[in-house]
PDB file of all heavy atoms in Angstrom:
ATOM      1  N   GLN A   1     -85.982  72.577  33.014  1.00  0.00           N
ATOM      2  CA  GLN A   1     -85.926  71.132  33.348  1.00  0.00           C
ATOM      3  C   GLN A   1     -85.308  70.781  34.696  1.00  0.00           C
ATOM      4  O   GLN A   1     -85.431  69.645  35.130  1.00  0.00           O
ATOM      5  CB  GLN A   1     -85.092  70.432  32.140  1.00  0.00           C
ATOM      6  CG  GLN A   1     -83.663  70.879  32.002  1.00  0.00           C
ATOM      7  CD  GLN A   1     -83.583  71.912  30.881  1.00  0.00           C
ATOM      8  OE1 GLN A   1     -84.328  72.867  30.802  1.00  0.00           O
ATOM      9  NE2 GLN A   1     -82.586  71.730  30.047  1.00  0.00           N
ATOM     10  N   LEU A   2     -84.730  71.825  35.321  1.00  0.00           N
ATOM     11  CA  LEU A   2     -84.210  71.507  36.707  1.00  0.00           C
ATOM     12  C   LEU A   2     -85.256  71.648  37.805  1.00  0.00           C
ATOM     13  O   LEU A   2     -85.153  71.121  38.855  1.00  0.00           O
ATOM     14  CB  LEU A   2     -83.065  72.508  37.006  1.00  0.00           C
ATOM     15  CG  LEU A   2     -81.875  72.436  36.175  1.00  0.00           C
ATOM     16  CD1 LEU A   2     -80.722  73.329  36.777  1.00  0.00           C
ATOM     17  CD2 LEU A   2     -81.300  70.993  36.009  1.00  0.00           C
ATOM     18  N   GLY A   3     -86.441  72.243  37.426  1.00  0.00           N
ATOM     19  CA  GLY A   3     -87.624  72.299  38.312  1.00  0.00           C
ATOM     20  C   GLY A   3     -87.290  73.090  39.590  1.00  0.00           C
ATOM     21  O   GLY A   3     -87.865  72.783  40.627  1.00  0.00           O
ATOM     22  N   ILE A   4     -86.426  74.151  39.545  1.00  0.00           N
ATOM     23  CA  ILE A   4     -86.034  74.930  40.709  1.00  0.00           C
ATOM     24  C   ILE A   4     -86.637  76.311  40.685  1.00  0.00           C
ATOM     25  O   ILE A   4     -86.848  76.874  39.664  1.00  0.00           O
ATOM     26  CB  ILE A   4     -84.520  75.047  40.759  1.00  0.00           C
ATOM     27  CG1 ILE A   4     -83.972  75.641  39.465  1.00  0.00           C
ATOM     28  CG2 ILE A   4     -83.881  73.610  40.999  1.00  0.00           C
ATOM     29  CD1 ILE A   4     -82.408  75.825  39.561  1.00  0.00           C
ATOM     30  N   ARG A   5     -86.929  76.778  41.852  1.00  0.00           N
ATOM     31  CA  ARG A   5     -87.417  78.212  41.988  1.00  0.00           C
ATOM     32  C   ARG A   5     -86.238  79.056  42.211  1.00  0.00           C
ATOM     33  O   ARG A   5     -85.417  78.932  43.199  1.00  0.00           O
ATOM     34  CB  ARG A   5     -88.314  78.210  43.215  1.00  0.00           C
ATOM     35  CG  ARG A   5     -88.988  79.601  43.367  1.00  0.00           C
ATOM     36  CD  ARG A   5     -89.891  79.608  44.638  1.00  0.00           C
ATOM     37  NE  ARG A   5     -90.865  78.626  44.649  1.00  0.00           N
ATOM     38  CZ  ARG A   5     -92.034  78.778  44.053  1.00  0.00           C
ATOM     39  NH1 ARG A   5     -92.322  79.867  43.400  1.00  0.00           N
ATOM     40  NH2 ARG A   5     -92.981  77.780  44.108  1.00  0.00           N
ATOM     41  N   LEU A   6     -85.986  80.125  41.441  1.00  0.00           N
ATOM     42  CA  LEU A   6     -84.875  80.905  41.471  1.00  0.00           C
ATOM     43  C   LEU A   6     -85.142  82.157  42.293  1.00  0.00           C
ATOM     44  O   LEU A   6     -86.196  82.795  42.169  1.00  0.00           O
ATOM     45  CB  LEU A   6     -84.424  81.458  40.004  1.00  0.00           C
ATOM     46  CG  LEU A   6     -84.118  80.237  39.018  1.00  0.00           C
ATOM     47  CD1 LEU A   6     -83.788  80.820  37.660  1.00  0.00           C
ATOM     48  CD2 LEU A   6     -82.906  79.439  39.554  1.00  0.00           C
ATOM     49  N   ASP A   7     -84.169  82.528  43.153  1.00  0.00           N
ATOM     50  CA  ASP A   7     -84.279  83.751  43.958  1.00  0.00           C
ATOM     51  C   ASP A   7     -83.754  84.928  43.098  1.00  0.00           C
ATOM     52  O   ASP A   7     -83.245  84.717  41.981  1.00  0.00           O
ATOM     53  CB  ASP A   7     -83.580  83.625  45.179  1.00  0.00           C
ATOM     54  CG  ASP A   7     -82.061  83.244  45.116  1.00  0.00           C
ATOM     55  OD1 ASP A   7     -81.464  83.608  44.155  1.00  0.00           O
ATOM     56  OD2 ASP A   7     -81.549  82.586  46.052  1.00  0.00           O
ATOM     57  N   LYS A   8     -83.744  86.057  43.585  1.00  0.00           N
ATOM     58  CA  LYS A   8     -83.301  87.281  42.879  1.00  0.00           C
ATOM     59  C   LYS A   8     -81.876  87.193  42.418  1.00  0.00           C
ATOM     60  O   LYS A   8     -81.487  87.703  41.397  1.00  0.00           O
ATOM     61  CB  LYS A   8     -83.584  88.547  43.709  1.00  0.00           C
ATOM     62  CG  LYS A   8     -85.079  88.845  43.830  1.00  0.00           C
ATOM     63  CD  LYS A   8     -85.272  90.103  44.682  1.00  0.00           C
ATOM     64  CE  LYS A   8     -86.789  90.438  44.759  1.00  0.00           C
ATOM     65  NZ  LYS A   8     -87.015  91.712  45.539  1.00  0.00           N
ATOM     66  N   LYS A   9     -81.052  86.544  43.261  1.00  0.00           N
ATOM     67  CA  LYS A   9     -79.626  86.527  42.945  1.00  0.00           C
ATOM     68  C   LYS A   9     -79.397  85.640  41.721  1.00  0.00           C
ATOM     69  O   LYS A   9     -78.358  85.844  41.044  1.00  0.00           O
ATOM     70  CB  LYS A   9     -78.819  85.994  44.134  1.00  0.00           C
ATOM     71  CG  LYS A   9     -78.854  86.858  45.400  1.00  0.00           C
ATOM     72  CD  LYS A   9     -78.061  86.306  46.510  1.00  0.00           C
ATOM     73  CE  LYS A   9     -78.064  87.108  47.775  1.00  0.00           C
ATOM     74  NZ  LYS A   9     -77.312  86.524  48.831  1.00  0.00           N
ATOM     75  N   LEU A  10     -80.184  84.728  41.473  1.00  0.00           N
ATOM     76  CA  LEU A  10     -80.079  83.695  40.358  1.00  0.00           C
ATOM     77  C   LEU A  10     -80.920  83.995  39.190  1.00  0.00           C
ATOM     78  O   LEU A  10     -80.801  83.203  38.220  1.00  0.00           O
ATOM     79  CB  LEU A  10     -80.275  82.302  40.936  1.00  0.00           C
ATOM     80  CG  LEU A  10     -79.369  81.844  42.065  1.00  0.00           C
ATOM     81  CD1 LEU A  10     -79.801  80.434  42.552  1.00  0.00           C
ATOM     82  CD2 LEU A  10     -77.895  81.821  41.614  1.00  0.00           C
ATOM     83  N   GLU A  11     -81.761  84.973  39.204  1.00  0.00           N
ATOM     84  CA  GLU A  11     -82.616  85.247  38.027  1.00  0.00           C
ATOM     85  C   GLU A  11     -81.832  85.494  36.757  1.00  0.00           C
ATOM     86  O   GLU A  11     -80.818  86.250  36.749  1.00  0.00           O
ATOM     87  CB  GLU A  11     -83.519  86.486  38.426  1.00  0.00           C
ATOM     88  CG  GLU A  11     -84.645  86.216  39.325  1.00  0.00           C
ATOM     89  CD  GLU A  11     -85.521  87.419  39.538  1.00  0.00           C
ATOM     90  OE1 GLU A  11     -85.258  88.450  38.919  1.00  0.00           O
ATOM     91  OE2 GLU A  11     -86.496  87.326  40.299  1.00  0.00           O
ATOM     92  N   GLY A  12     -82.299  84.871  35.728  1.00  0.00           N
ATOM     93  CA  GLY A  12     -81.567  85.011  34.415  1.00  0.00           C
ATOM     94  C   GLY A  12     -80.506  83.995  34.198  1.00  0.00           C
ATOM     95  O   GLY A  12     -80.045  83.773  33.044  1.00  0.00           O
ATOM     96  N   GLN A  13     -80.059  83.250  35.248  1.00  0.00           N
ATOM     97  CA  GLN A  13     -79.050  82.210  35.113  1.00  0.00           C
ATOM     98  C   GLN A  13     -79.720  80.952  34.613  1.00  0.00           C
ATOM     99  O   GLN A  13     -80.799  80.512  35.049  1.00  0.00           O
ATOM    100  CB  GLN A  13     -78.391  81.967  36.426  1.00  0.00           C
ATOM    101  CG  GLN A  13     -77.181  81.052  36.315  1.00  0.00           C
ATOM    102  CD  GLN A  13     -76.407  80.959  37.637  1.00  0.00           C
ATOM    103  OE1 GLN A  13     -76.552  81.837  38.471  1.00  0.00           O
ATOM    104  NE2 GLN A  13     -75.685  79.885  37.884  1.00  0.00           N
ATOM    105  N   THR A  14     -79.120  80.325  33.581  1.00  0.00           N
ATOM    106  CA  THR A  14     -79.669  79.043  33.061  1.00  0.00           C
ATOM    107  C   THR A  14     -78.710  77.891  33.197  1.00  0.00           C
ATOM    108  O   THR A  14     -79.070  76.730  32.774  1.00  0.00           O
ATOM    109  CB  THR A  14     -79.950  79.228  31.530  1.00  0.00           C
ATOM    110  OG1 THR A  14     -78.721  79.629  30.823  1.00  0.00           O
ATOM    111  CG2 THR A  14     -81.012  80.428  31.351  1.00  0.00           C
ATOM    112  N   GLN A  15     -77.511  78.072  33.697  1.00  0.00           N
ATOM    113  CA  GLN A  15     -76.659  76.919  33.856  1.00  0.00           C
ATOM    114  C   GLN A  15     -76.151  76.886  35.303  1.00  0.00           C
ATOM    115  O   GLN A  15     -75.639  77.914  35.809  1.00  0.00           O
ATOM    116  CB  GLN A  15     -75.397  77.149  32.908  1.00  0.00           C
ATOM    117  CG  GLN A  15     -75.815  77.068  31.404  1.00  0.00           C
ATOM    118  CD  GLN A  15     -74.606  77.340  30.523  1.00  0.00           C
ATOM    119  OE1 GLN A  15     -73.476  77.395  30.979  1.00  0.00           O
ATOM    120  NE2 GLN A  15     -74.861  77.567  29.269  1.00  0.00           N
ATOM    121  N   PHE A  16     -76.257  75.694  35.864  1.00  0.00           N
ATOM    122  CA  PHE A  16     -75.886  75.553  37.261  1.00  0.00           C
ATOM    123  C   PHE A  16     -74.968  74.377  37.480  1.00  0.00           C
ATOM    124  O   PHE A  16     -75.337  73.206  37.170  1.00  0.00           O
ATOM    125  CB  PHE A  16     -77.164  75.295  38.166  1.00  0.00           C
ATOM    126  CG  PHE A  16     -78.098  76.503  38.117  1.00  0.00           C
ATOM    127  CD1 PHE A  16     -78.978  76.617  37.103  1.00  0.00           C
ATOM    128  CD2 PHE A  16     -78.021  77.473  39.094  1.00  0.00           C
ATOM    129  CE1 PHE A  16     -79.918  77.742  37.065  1.00  0.00           C
ATOM    130  CE2 PHE A  16     -78.888  78.547  39.025  1.00  0.00           C
ATOM    131  CZ  PHE A  16     -79.875  78.686  38.113  1.00  0.00           C
ATOM    132  N   ASN A  17     -73.741  74.637  37.925  1.00  0.00           N
ATOM    133  CA  ASN A  17     -72.807  73.592  38.163  1.00  0.00           C
ATOM    134  C   ASN A  17     -72.755  73.099  39.604  1.00  0.00           C
ATOM    135  O   ASN A  17     -71.815  72.426  40.054  1.00  0.00           O
ATOM    136  CB  ASN A  17     -71.369  74.002  37.691  1.00  0.00           C
ATOM    137  CG  ASN A  17     -70.947  75.267  38.442  1.00  0.00           C
ATOM    138  OD1 ASN A  17     -71.498  75.672  39.430  1.00  0.00           O
ATOM    139  ND2 ASN A  17     -69.871  75.920  37.878  1.00  0.00           N
ATOM    140  N   PHE A  18     -73.856  73.412  40.332  1.00  0.00           N
ATOM    141  CA  PHE A  18     -73.913  72.993  41.736  1.00  0.00           C
ATOM    142  C   PHE A  18     -75.377  72.574  41.882  1.00  0.00           C
ATOM    143  O   PHE A  18     -76.301  73.066  41.255  1.00  0.00           O
ATOM    144  CB  PHE A  18     -73.525  74.108  42.724  1.00  0.00           C
ATOM    145  CG  PHE A  18     -74.318  75.372  42.531  1.00  0.00           C
ATOM    146  CD1 PHE A  18     -75.573  75.615  43.148  1.00  0.00           C
ATOM    147  CD2 PHE A  18     -73.837  76.338  41.613  1.00  0.00           C
ATOM    148  CE1 PHE A  18     -76.197  76.783  42.926  1.00  0.00           C
ATOM    149  CE2 PHE A  18     -74.535  77.537  41.385  1.00  0.00           C
ATOM    150  CZ  PHE A  18     -75.754  77.743  42.090  1.00  0.00           C
ATOM    151  N   ALA A  19     -75.634  71.663  42.889  1.00  0.00           N
ATOM    152  CA  ALA A  19     -76.995  71.125  43.130  1.00  0.00           C
ATOM    153  C   ALA A  19     -77.906  72.080  43.807  1.00  0.00           C
ATOM    154  O   ALA A  19     -77.532  72.740  44.717  1.00  0.00           O
ATOM    155  CB  ALA A  19     -76.895  69.786  43.804  1.00  0.00           C
ATOM    156  N   ILE A  20     -79.123  72.121  43.339  1.00  0.00           N
ATOM    157  CA  ILE A  20     -80.203  72.980  43.964  1.00  0.00           C
ATOM    158  C   ILE A  20     -81.431  72.101  44.245  1.00  0.00           C
ATOM    159  O   ILE A  20     -81.738  71.161  43.552  1.00  0.00           O
ATOM    160  CB  ILE A  20     -80.655  74.103  43.015  1.00  0.00           C
ATOM    161  CG1 ILE A  20     -79.400  75.052  42.672  1.00  0.00           C
ATOM    162  CG2 ILE A  20     -81.673  74.918  43.674  1.00  0.00           C
ATOM    163  CD1 ILE A  20     -79.765  76.122  41.810  1.00  0.00           C
ATOM    164  N   ARG A  21     -81.967  72.266  45.420  1.00  0.00           N
ATOM    165  CA  ARG A  21     -83.183  71.453  45.885  1.00  0.00           C
ATOM    166  C   ARG A  21     -84.411  71.692  45.053  1.00  0.00           C
ATOM    167  O   ARG A  21     -84.666  72.840  44.696  1.00  0.00           O
ATOM    168  CB  ARG A  21     -83.454  71.733  47.325  1.00  0.00           C
ATOM    169  CG  ARG A  21     -84.582  71.081  47.956  1.00  0.00           C
ATOM    170  CD  ARG A  21     -84.234  69.633  48.330  1.00  0.00           C
ATOM    171  NE  ARG A  21     -85.435  68.983  48.918  1.00  0.00           N
ATOM    172  CZ  ARG A  21     -85.793  69.080  50.191  1.00  0.00           C
ATOM    173  NH1 ARG A  21     -85.024  69.740  51.042  1.00  0.00           N
ATOM    174  NH2 ARG A  21     -86.827  68.381  50.665  1.00  0.00           N
ATOM    175  N   VAL A  22     -85.061  70.592  44.613  1.00  0.00           N
ATOM    176  CA  VAL A  22     -86.274  70.731  43.826  1.00  0.00           C
ATOM    177  C   VAL A  22     -87.378  70.410  44.848  1.00  0.00           C
ATOM    178  O   VAL A  22     -87.334  69.383  45.491  1.00  0.00           O
ATOM    179  CB  VAL A  22     -86.335  69.649  42.747  1.00  0.00           C
ATOM    180  CG1 VAL A  22     -87.607  69.774  41.981  1.00  0.00           C
ATOM    181  CG2 VAL A  22     -85.086  69.833  41.822  1.00  0.00           C
ATOM    182  N   HIS A  23     -88.375  71.274  45.003  1.00  0.00           N
ATOM    183  CA  HIS A  23     -89.448  71.079  45.995  1.00  0.00           C
ATOM    184  C   HIS A  23     -90.655  70.517  45.246  1.00  0.00           C
ATOM    185  O   HIS A  23     -91.203  71.051  44.340  1.00  0.00           O
ATOM    186  CB  HIS A  23     -89.829  72.398  46.545  1.00  0.00           C
ATOM    187  CG  HIS A  23     -88.723  72.973  47.500  1.00  0.00           C
ATOM    188  ND1 HIS A  23     -88.503  72.497  48.714  1.00  0.00           N
ATOM    189  CD2 HIS A  23     -87.762  73.851  47.216  1.00  0.00           C
ATOM    190  CE1 HIS A  23     -87.479  73.153  49.294  1.00  0.00           C
ATOM    191  NE2 HIS A  23     -86.971  73.977  48.419  1.00  0.00           N
ATOM    192  N   ILE A  24     -91.045  69.331  45.630  1.00  0.00           N
ATOM    193  CA  ILE A  24     -92.173  68.592  45.061  1.00  0.00           C
ATOM    194  C   ILE A  24     -93.432  68.868  45.922  1.00  0.00           C
ATOM    195  O   ILE A  24     -93.421  68.607  47.118  1.00  0.00           O
ATOM    196  CB  ILE A  24     -91.934  67.062  44.959  1.00  0.00           C
ATOM    197  CG1 ILE A  24     -90.549  66.748  44.338  1.00  0.00           C
ATOM    198  CG2 ILE A  24     -92.985  66.383  44.168  1.00  0.00           C
ATOM    199  CD1 ILE A  24     -90.398  67.311  42.946  1.00  0.00           C
ATOM    200  N   PRO A  25     -94.506  69.498  45.324  1.00  0.00           N
ATOM    201  CA  PRO A  25     -95.626  69.861  46.158  1.00  0.00           C
ATOM    202  C   PRO A  25     -96.532  68.629  46.496  1.00  0.00           C
ATOM    203  O   PRO A  25     -97.610  68.409  46.038  1.00  0.00           O
ATOM    204  CB  PRO A  25     -96.413  70.683  45.200  1.00  0.00           C
ATOM    205  CG  PRO A  25     -96.095  70.255  43.803  1.00  0.00           C
ATOM    206  CD  PRO A  25     -94.556  69.755  43.903  1.00  0.00           C
ATOM    207  N   THR A  26     -96.098  67.795  47.458  1.00  0.00           N
ATOM    208  CA  THR A  26     -96.784  66.625  47.927  1.00  0.00           C
ATOM    209  C   THR A  26     -96.203  66.108  49.271  1.00  0.00           C
ATOM    210  O   THR A  26     -95.028  66.463  49.624  1.00  0.00           O
ATOM    211  CB  THR A  26     -96.644  65.438  46.933  1.00  0.00           C
ATOM    212  OG1 THR A  26     -97.382  64.338  47.482  1.00  0.00           O
ATOM    213  CG2 THR A  26     -95.272  65.029  46.730  1.00  0.00           C
ATOM    214  N   ASP A  27     -96.989  65.485  50.024  1.00  0.00           N
ATOM    215  CA  ASP A  27     -96.506  64.886  51.313  1.00  0.00           C
ATOM    216  C   ASP A  27     -95.885  63.502  51.069  1.00  0.00           C
ATOM    217  O   ASP A  27     -95.293  62.968  51.978  1.00  0.00           O
ATOM    218  CB  ASP A  27     -97.696  64.717  52.326  1.00  0.00           C
ATOM    219  CG  ASP A  27     -98.287  66.154  52.650  1.00  0.00           C
ATOM    220  OD1 ASP A  27     -97.426  67.059  52.745  1.00  0.00           O
ATOM    221  OD2 ASP A  27     -99.456  66.136  53.026  1.00  0.00           O
ATOM    222  N   SER A  28     -96.052  63.011  49.845  1.00  0.00           N
ATOM    223  CA  SER A  28     -95.530  61.622  49.564  1.00  0.00           C
ATOM    224  C   SER A  28     -93.945  61.730  49.299  1.00  0.00           C
ATOM    225  O   SER A  28     -93.508  62.875  49.054  1.00  0.00           O
ATOM    226  CB  SER A  28     -96.136  61.087  48.301  1.00  0.00           C
ATOM    227  OG  SER A  28     -97.479  60.849  48.546  1.00  0.00           O
TER     228      SER A  28
END
């Protein structure tokens, strides 16, 4: 539900107490 792409350091983590950028595939 966070819509984030996880890098190798964060793989397997499901709880995030800091904000991560969500990339929307559009120019809008």
